[in-house]
Protein backbone atom coordinates (compact mmCIF):
# COMPACT_ATOMS: atom_id res chain seq x y z
CA MET A 1 76.05 -75.69 24.22
CA ARG A 2 74.02 -73.76 26.77
CA LEU A 3 71.42 -75.84 28.64
CA PRO A 4 67.92 -74.40 28.97
CA ARG A 5 67.12 -72.76 32.29
CA THR A 6 65.31 -74.97 34.80
CA HIS A 7 61.88 -73.82 35.86
CA ARG A 8 61.46 -73.02 39.53
CA ASP A 9 58.55 -75.45 39.96
CA ASP A 10 60.59 -78.26 38.43
CA ALA A 11 63.38 -77.65 40.94
CA LEU A 12 60.87 -77.78 43.78
CA ILE A 13 59.38 -81.06 42.48
CA ALA A 14 62.85 -82.60 42.18
CA ALA A 15 63.91 -81.50 45.66
CA ALA A 16 60.66 -82.65 47.29
CA GLY A 17 60.75 -86.03 45.49
CA PHE A 18 64.34 -86.78 46.43
CA ALA A 19 63.75 -85.74 50.07
CA CYS A 20 60.65 -87.96 50.38
CA GLY A 21 62.39 -90.89 48.67
CA LEU A 22 65.41 -90.51 50.95
CA LEU A 23 63.10 -90.49 53.97
CA LEU A 24 61.41 -93.74 52.85
CA TRP A 25 64.80 -95.36 52.28
CA SER A 26 65.98 -94.30 55.76
CA PHE A 27 62.94 -96.03 57.29
CA GLY A 28 63.60 -99.15 55.23
CA LEU A 29 60.35 -98.88 53.24
CA TYR A 30 60.60 -100.52 49.79
CA THR A 31 58.17 -101.48 47.05
CA GLN A 32 59.58 -105.01 46.68
CA GLY A 33 60.62 -107.78 48.96
CA PRO A 34 64.15 -109.01 49.75
CA SER A 35 64.03 -111.40 46.78
CA SER A 36 64.95 -108.64 44.30
CA PRO A 37 68.04 -109.27 42.12
CA LEU A 38 69.99 -106.46 43.77
CA PRO A 39 70.13 -106.15 47.53
CA GLY A 40 68.82 -103.16 49.47
CA GLY A 41 70.99 -100.33 50.66
CA PRO A 42 72.29 -97.29 48.82
CA VAL A 43 71.81 -98.92 45.40
CA VAL A 44 68.09 -98.10 45.69
CA LEU A 45 68.98 -94.42 45.65
CA VAL A 46 70.62 -94.59 42.20
CA PRO A 47 67.35 -94.74 40.18
CA LEU A 48 65.85 -92.22 42.59
CA ALA A 49 68.72 -89.78 42.02
CA ALA A 50 68.47 -90.25 38.24
CA MET A 51 64.71 -89.63 38.31
CA THR A 52 65.26 -86.54 40.48
CA ALA A 53 67.75 -85.14 37.96
CA LEU A 54 65.34 -85.84 35.11
CA ALA A 55 62.59 -83.92 36.93
CA LEU A 56 64.69 -80.80 36.38
CA LEU A 57 64.25 -81.35 32.59
CA ARG A 58 60.53 -82.24 32.60
CA ARG A 59 59.60 -78.86 31.05
CA THR A 60 62.65 -77.99 28.94
CA MET A 61 63.59 -81.45 27.55
CA PRO A 62 60.47 -83.62 28.07
CA ARG A 63 61.27 -86.32 25.49
CA THR A 64 64.78 -86.85 26.79
CA ALA A 65 63.49 -87.00 30.36
CA LEU A 66 60.89 -89.62 29.37
CA LEU A 67 63.35 -91.87 27.53
CA VAL A 68 65.98 -91.82 30.29
CA GLY A 69 63.28 -92.00 32.96
CA THR A 70 61.92 -95.21 31.39
CA VAL A 71 65.37 -96.76 31.73
CA ALA A 72 65.60 -95.56 35.35
CA VAL A 73 62.20 -96.97 36.36
CA VAL A 74 63.03 -100.32 34.76
CA ALA A 75 66.33 -100.34 36.66
CA ASP A 76 64.43 -99.59 39.85
CA GLN A 77 62.54 -102.89 39.43
CA PHE A 78 65.81 -104.80 39.86
CA THR A 79 66.36 -103.25 43.30
CA ARG A 80 64.24 -103.28 46.42
CA GLY A 81 62.46 -100.30 44.79
CA ASN A 82 61.51 -96.82 46.01
CA LEU A 83 57.94 -95.54 45.81
CA LEU A 84 59.02 -91.98 44.90
CA THR A 85 60.95 -93.27 41.88
CA VAL A 86 57.83 -94.62 40.19
CA VAL A 87 55.70 -91.65 41.34
CA MET A 88 58.15 -89.18 39.78
CA PHE A 89 58.20 -91.30 36.62
CA ALA A 90 54.42 -90.87 36.36
CA ASP A 91 54.94 -87.10 36.61
CA ILE A 92 57.55 -87.22 33.83
CA VAL A 93 55.07 -89.08 31.58
CA TYR A 94 52.48 -86.39 32.30
CA ALA A 95 55.00 -83.59 31.59
CA ALA A 96 56.11 -85.22 28.31
CA VAL A 97 52.54 -85.02 27.00
CA VAL A 98 51.84 -81.51 28.30
CA TYR A 99 55.13 -79.83 27.36
CA GLY A 100 56.40 -82.03 24.54
CA PRO A 101 55.89 -81.49 20.80
CA PRO A 102 52.46 -82.24 19.30
CA ALA A 103 53.64 -85.52 17.76
CA SER A 104 54.78 -86.82 21.15
CA ALA A 105 51.55 -85.67 22.77
CA ARG A 106 49.62 -87.83 20.30
CA ARG A 107 51.88 -90.91 20.45
CA ILE A 108 52.61 -91.25 24.18
CA PRO A 109 49.00 -92.04 25.29
CA VAL A 110 48.72 -94.67 22.54
CA THR A 111 52.12 -96.16 23.36
CA THR A 112 51.49 -96.32 27.11
CA GLY A 113 48.09 -97.88 26.48
CA LEU A 114 49.64 -100.61 24.35
CA ILE A 115 52.36 -101.18 26.94
CA THR A 116 49.72 -101.52 29.68
CA ILE A 117 47.82 -104.12 27.64
CA ALA A 118 51.01 -106.01 26.80
CA VAL A 119 52.18 -106.07 30.44
CA THR A 120 48.79 -107.26 31.66
CA LEU A 121 48.55 -110.06 29.12
CA GLY A 122 52.18 -111.07 29.68
CA PHE A 123 51.87 -111.42 33.44
CA LEU A 124 48.54 -113.23 33.08
CA ALA A 125 50.23 -115.73 30.79
CA TRP A 126 53.18 -116.05 33.18
CA PHE A 127 51.40 -116.24 36.54
CA ARG A 128 48.10 -117.69 35.31
CA GLN A 129 46.47 -116.03 38.31
CA PRO A 130 43.86 -113.20 38.43
CA GLU A 131 46.16 -111.27 40.73
CA ALA A 132 48.29 -110.55 37.64
CA LEU A 133 45.65 -108.00 36.67
CA LEU A 134 46.86 -105.84 39.56
CA ILE A 135 50.21 -105.47 37.80
CA GLY A 136 48.37 -104.16 34.74
CA VAL A 137 46.46 -101.70 36.92
CA VAL A 138 49.68 -100.44 38.50
CA THR A 139 51.26 -100.09 35.06
CA ALA A 140 48.26 -98.07 33.86
CA LEU A 141 48.40 -95.86 36.97
CA LEU A 142 52.08 -95.10 36.35
CA SER A 143 52.00 -94.60 32.56
CA PHE A 144 48.66 -94.63 30.74
CA PHE A 145 46.58 -92.54 33.15
CA PRO A 146 49.25 -89.77 33.49
CA ALA A 147 49.50 -89.67 29.68
CA ILE A 148 45.72 -89.36 29.31
CA THR A 149 45.61 -86.67 32.01
CA GLY A 150 48.37 -84.75 30.23
CA ALA A 151 46.49 -84.98 26.92
CA VAL A 152 43.34 -83.58 28.53
CA VAL A 153 45.25 -80.72 30.15
CA ARG A 154 47.07 -79.94 26.91
CA ASN A 155 43.80 -79.86 24.95
CA HIS A 156 42.25 -77.52 27.52
CA ARG A 157 45.26 -75.21 27.33
CA GLN A 158 45.18 -75.18 23.54
CA ALA A 159 41.46 -74.43 23.60
CA ALA A 160 42.08 -71.60 26.08
CA ASP A 161 44.89 -70.20 23.91
CA THR A 162 42.68 -70.42 20.83
CA ALA A 163 39.83 -68.67 22.63
CA ARG A 164 42.18 -65.97 23.90
CA LEU A 165 43.64 -65.47 20.42
CA ARG A 166 40.15 -65.30 18.93
CA ALA A 167 39.16 -62.74 21.57
CA GLU A 168 42.23 -60.66 20.80
CA GLN A 169 41.51 -60.83 17.08
CA THR A 170 37.87 -59.89 17.69
CA ALA A 171 38.97 -56.96 19.83
CA LEU A 172 41.44 -55.90 17.14
CA LEU A 173 38.78 -56.11 14.42
CA ALA A 174 36.36 -54.18 16.63
CA GLU A 175 38.97 -51.49 17.18
CA MET A 176 39.67 -51.34 13.43
CA ASP A 177 35.93 -51.06 12.73
CA ARG A 178 35.63 -48.33 15.35
CA ARG A 179 38.52 -46.38 13.84
CA GLN A 180 37.12 -46.78 10.33
CA ALA A 181 33.71 -45.65 11.57
CA VAL A 182 35.30 -42.60 13.21
CA ILE A 183 37.25 -41.80 10.03
CA ALA A 184 34.13 -42.25 7.90
CA GLU A 185 32.09 -40.07 10.24
CA ARG A 186 34.78 -37.39 10.23
CA SER A 187 34.86 -37.49 6.44
CA ARG A 188 31.08 -37.20 6.31
CA MET A 189 31.13 -34.26 8.73
CA ALA A 190 33.91 -32.62 6.72
CA ARG A 191 31.88 -32.98 3.52
CA GLU A 192 28.76 -31.64 5.19
CA LEU A 193 30.66 -28.69 6.65
CA HIS A 194 32.38 -27.93 3.37
CA ASP A 195 29.20 -28.22 1.29
CA MET A 196 27.12 -26.12 3.68
CA VAL A 197 29.49 -23.28 4.46
CA ALA A 198 31.83 -23.04 1.46
CA ASN A 199 29.15 -21.51 -0.75
CA HIS A 200 28.48 -18.67 1.68
CA LEU A 201 32.12 -18.07 2.53
CA SER A 202 33.07 -17.98 -1.15
CA ALA A 203 30.46 -15.28 -1.81
CA ILE A 204 31.67 -13.35 1.24
CA ALA A 205 35.28 -13.57 0.06
CA ILE A 206 34.46 -12.42 -3.48
CA HIS A 207 32.29 -9.45 -2.46
CA SER A 208 34.59 -8.36 0.35
CA THR A 209 37.49 -8.38 -2.10
CA ALA A 210 35.42 -6.37 -4.56
CA ALA A 211 34.42 -3.87 -1.85
CA LEU A 212 38.05 -3.38 -0.86
CA SER A 213 39.39 -3.10 -4.42
CA LEU A 214 36.69 -0.78 -5.92
CA ASP A 215 36.27 2.78 -4.64
CA ASP A 216 32.54 2.98 -5.29
CA PRO A 217 30.03 3.58 -2.44
CA LYS A 218 27.16 1.84 -4.25
CA THR A 219 29.28 -1.21 -5.06
CA SER A 220 30.46 -1.35 -1.46
CA ARG A 221 26.88 -1.16 -0.14
CA ASP A 222 25.72 -3.91 -2.49
CA ALA A 223 28.71 -6.05 -1.54
CA LEU A 224 28.06 -5.53 2.17
CA GLY A 225 24.43 -6.53 1.66
CA VAL A 226 25.45 -9.76 -0.03
CA ILE A 227 28.07 -10.37 2.67
CA ARG A 228 25.47 -9.92 5.41
CA GLU A 229 22.98 -12.22 3.68
CA ASN A 230 25.54 -14.97 3.20
CA SER A 231 26.81 -14.56 6.76
CA VAL A 232 23.30 -15.04 8.15
CA ASP A 233 22.64 -18.02 5.90
CA GLY A 234 26.01 -19.54 6.70
CA LEU A 235 25.34 -19.15 10.41
CA ALA A 236 21.97 -20.88 9.98
CA GLU A 237 23.64 -23.73 8.12
CA MET A 238 26.21 -24.07 10.88
CA ARG A 239 23.46 -24.22 13.49
CA ARG A 240 21.73 -26.90 11.47
CA LEU A 241 24.94 -28.94 11.32
CA ILE A 242 25.39 -28.61 15.08
CA GLY A 243 21.80 -29.75 15.50
CA LEU A 244 22.56 -32.86 13.45
CA LEU A 245 25.53 -33.67 15.67
CA ARG A 246 23.75 -33.11 18.97
CA ASP A 247 22.06 -35.87 20.92
CA SER A 248 18.44 -35.99 19.90
CA SER A 249 17.28 -37.68 23.13
CA GLY A 250 16.16 -34.34 24.55
CA HIS A 251 13.57 -31.86 23.34
CA ASP A 252 15.81 -30.43 20.60
CA GLU A 253 15.42 -32.58 17.51
CA PRO A 254 17.99 -32.30 14.70
CA ALA A 255 16.90 -30.44 11.60
CA ALA A 256 15.97 -32.41 8.52
CA ALA A 257 18.51 -32.87 5.73
CA PRO A 258 18.08 -30.63 2.67
CA THR A 259 16.20 -32.04 -0.32
CA LEU A 260 15.93 -31.15 -4.00
CA ASP A 261 12.85 -29.06 -3.22
CA GLY A 262 15.26 -26.42 -1.93
CA LEU A 263 17.15 -26.07 -5.21
CA ASP A 264 15.08 -23.04 -6.30
CA ALA A 265 16.19 -21.09 -3.24
CA LEU A 266 19.76 -22.31 -3.67
CA VAL A 267 19.90 -21.17 -7.31
CA ARG A 268 18.32 -17.80 -6.48
CA GLN A 269 20.86 -17.23 -3.73
CA ALA A 270 23.69 -18.08 -6.14
CA GLY A 271 22.21 -15.59 -8.62
CA VAL A 272 22.37 -12.83 -6.02
CA SER A 273 25.95 -13.70 -5.11
CA GLY A 274 27.14 -14.02 -8.71
CA ALA A 275 25.41 -11.00 -10.21
CA ALA A 276 28.45 -8.80 -9.63
CA GLY A 277 30.59 -11.20 -11.65
CA GLY A 278 28.23 -11.34 -14.60
CA LEU A 279 26.82 -14.75 -13.76
CA THR A 280 23.20 -15.75 -14.35
CA PHE A 281 21.67 -18.97 -13.11
CA ARG A 282 18.96 -21.19 -14.53
CA LEU A 283 17.33 -24.34 -13.11
CA VAL A 284 15.93 -27.01 -15.44
CA ASP A 285 14.09 -29.71 -13.51
CA ASP A 286 12.85 -32.62 -15.66
CA ARG A 287 12.26 -35.11 -12.85
CA GLU A 288 9.15 -37.24 -12.62
CA PRO A 289 6.58 -35.19 -10.71
CA ASP A 290 4.82 -38.10 -8.97
CA ALA A 291 7.81 -39.77 -7.32
CA ARG A 292 10.15 -38.85 -4.51
CA LEU A 293 13.75 -40.04 -4.46
CA PRO A 294 15.42 -41.79 -1.51
CA ALA A 295 16.85 -39.43 1.10
CA PRO A 296 20.53 -40.34 0.46
CA VAL A 297 20.12 -39.69 -3.26
CA GLU A 298 18.37 -36.34 -2.70
CA LEU A 299 21.00 -35.25 -0.19
CA ALA A 300 23.86 -36.23 -2.51
CA ALA A 301 22.26 -34.45 -5.49
CA TYR A 302 21.61 -31.31 -3.42
CA ARG A 303 25.22 -31.23 -2.19
CA ILE A 304 26.57 -31.74 -5.71
CA VAL A 305 24.55 -28.77 -6.99
CA GLN A 306 25.55 -26.69 -3.97
CA GLU A 307 29.25 -27.41 -4.40
CA SER A 308 29.07 -26.87 -8.17
CA LEU A 309 27.46 -23.46 -7.67
CA THR A 310 30.16 -22.61 -5.14
CA ASN A 311 32.82 -23.49 -7.70
CA THR A 312 31.14 -21.35 -10.37
CA LEU A 313 31.19 -18.36 -8.02
CA LYS A 314 34.90 -18.94 -7.50
CA HIS A 315 36.12 -19.82 -10.98
CA ALA A 316 33.47 -19.52 -13.72
CA ASP A 317 33.70 -16.91 -16.47
CA ALA A 318 30.78 -14.50 -16.96
CA GLY A 319 27.79 -16.14 -18.56
CA GLU A 320 24.93 -18.48 -17.85
CA VAL A 321 25.12 -21.30 -15.33
CA THR A 322 22.63 -24.11 -15.94
CA VAL A 323 21.53 -26.60 -13.35
CA ALA A 324 19.72 -29.56 -14.95
CA LEU A 325 18.07 -32.54 -13.29
CA ARG A 326 16.61 -35.50 -15.14
CA SER A 327 15.31 -38.85 -13.86
CA ALA A 328 15.14 -41.75 -16.30
CA ASP A 329 16.28 -45.37 -16.63
CA HIS A 330 16.33 -45.85 -12.87
CA ALA A 331 18.85 -43.06 -12.37
CA LEU A 332 18.93 -39.40 -11.43
CA THR A 333 21.21 -37.27 -13.59
CA VAL A 334 22.53 -34.01 -12.18
CA GLN A 335 24.40 -31.66 -14.49
CA VAL A 336 25.81 -28.18 -13.87
CA THR A 337 27.42 -26.28 -16.76
CA SER A 338 29.13 -22.90 -16.81
CA ALA A 339 31.38 -20.83 -19.03
CA PHE A 340 35.00 -21.90 -18.96
CA GLY A 341 37.78 -19.35 -19.20
CA ALA A 342 40.09 -17.01 -17.35
CA ARG A 343 37.80 -14.77 -15.32
CA PRO A 344 39.01 -11.22 -14.59
CA GLY A 345 38.48 -9.55 -11.22
CA PRO A 346 38.59 -10.90 -7.69
CA ARG A 347 38.44 -14.63 -7.15
CA ALA A 348 38.16 -16.75 -4.03
CA PRO A 349 40.84 -19.38 -3.46
CA GLY A 350 39.95 -23.05 -3.78
CA SER A 351 41.39 -26.13 -2.04
CA GLY A 352 40.18 -28.85 -4.42
CA ALA A 353 38.29 -30.59 -1.61
CA GLY A 354 34.95 -29.93 -3.27
CA LEU A 355 35.55 -32.21 -6.26
CA VAL A 356 36.96 -34.90 -3.96
CA GLY A 357 33.90 -34.69 -1.74
CA MET A 358 31.50 -34.92 -4.68
CA ARG A 359 33.35 -37.91 -6.09
CA GLU A 360 33.20 -39.67 -2.71
CA ARG A 361 29.48 -39.03 -2.36
CA ILE A 362 28.76 -40.53 -5.76
CA ALA A 363 31.06 -43.50 -5.16
CA LEU A 364 29.26 -44.35 -1.91
CA LEU A 365 25.98 -44.58 -3.82
CA GLY A 366 27.48 -46.55 -6.71
CA GLY A 367 27.07 -43.75 -9.25
CA VAL A 368 29.18 -42.15 -11.96
CA PHE A 369 30.82 -38.73 -11.60
CA GLU A 370 32.51 -36.54 -14.22
CA ALA A 371 33.93 -33.04 -13.91
CA GLY A 372 36.01 -31.11 -16.41
CA PRO A 373 36.02 -28.91 -19.50
CA VAL A 374 34.06 -30.11 -22.57
CA ASP A 375 33.20 -28.69 -26.01
CA ASP A 376 29.56 -27.74 -26.49
CA ARG A 377 28.91 -26.81 -30.14
CA GLY A 378 32.34 -25.23 -30.47
CA VAL A 379 32.21 -23.46 -27.11
CA LYS A 380 34.28 -24.70 -24.21
CA ILE A 381 32.33 -25.05 -20.99
CA TRP A 382 32.93 -26.56 -17.57
CA ARG A 383 30.57 -29.45 -16.86
CA VAL A 384 29.86 -31.35 -13.68
CA ARG A 385 27.78 -34.45 -14.32
CA ALA A 386 26.66 -37.14 -11.87
CA GLU A 387 24.48 -40.20 -12.34
CA LEU A 388 22.90 -41.55 -9.18
CA PRO A 389 21.31 -45.01 -9.46
CA VAL A 390 17.76 -45.29 -8.12
CA ALA A 391 16.14 -48.71 -7.86
CA GLU A 392 12.47 -48.88 -8.66
CA ASP A 393 11.70 -50.19 -5.18
CA ASP A 394 13.58 -47.26 -3.58
CA LYS A 395 11.25 -44.62 -4.96
CA GLU A 396 8.88 -43.15 -2.41
CA PRO A 397 5.47 -41.84 -3.48
CA GLN A 398 4.81 -38.27 -2.57
CA ALA A 399 2.26 -37.67 0.16
């Protein structure tokens, strides 16, 4: 069995204690008179040597050191006695409380206190003199007070460890919150970038493909006109996004977020971009005229319509695209329908991020989102439908 490694400080305590005890013995200084059961001489060094060896175990085997040390200090009382033997025993009591298991740390102060009381009462009954109280005081100084001191130090260390652990956990939670905030902000920026620019880039891709595939000067001029218009609008949207991300502490204030009042312009722009593909667009707005929705709801509804129109330009078959808004029962309903089928001609590629972004927007507001093909009076159409909850207290009156 491999013994635990002795701590450097314990070795220093043992060496210093034995050297001081040996020096006292060489000068003939003892704690008791010549009437002790055992005579003076080298026999006094036996308990001192045992206590010195036990000091090497005060950290690694505190309970063993305390039990054997108790025997050694009792044996020391039958000799002339060495002061360093009892002093090192007090240190072993202290170490047993500080470094021992929790059960020992709780029991040792109680046990030493009871022993101190028992020794005091016993010597009072034996000597029947007040001076017997001094023996109780010495016993308390060598056992009870070191145990109490060790308990206080142990409690302080445990409190410090608990505080350090709590600080580490708080720092870890703060770092997790920071990372989640960064991820959420990146997701929000990605949605904003996708919703703002994808519509224009999709129109550019479709009309540039048409201009390259059709050898018709008029078609090419019309396509280039649409491409230029969407490029300018896309650049403006990008500048607006950069303005939102910039620090607004200076003179440049970020632009306001889009609202549902801009849906007319958005639908008209989609009509210009989708005319070449046989798409027509219609806006049906049945909202309450005297109430304004909360900004997050308006922004989410605007982005849903914008992304839905982008998808119709990419994938919808020729026909009418209807954008319908209705507010009732404390909710705003947004619905975009288009013809569903295999569309001939050039198409822009899609990544599927648009539907994911719309679903995330609605989920953040606690709404319901549906997207997919449905039958409308025997005709298959593609429908995007979102319900955004609006509490009565959240409605803002129009100025």
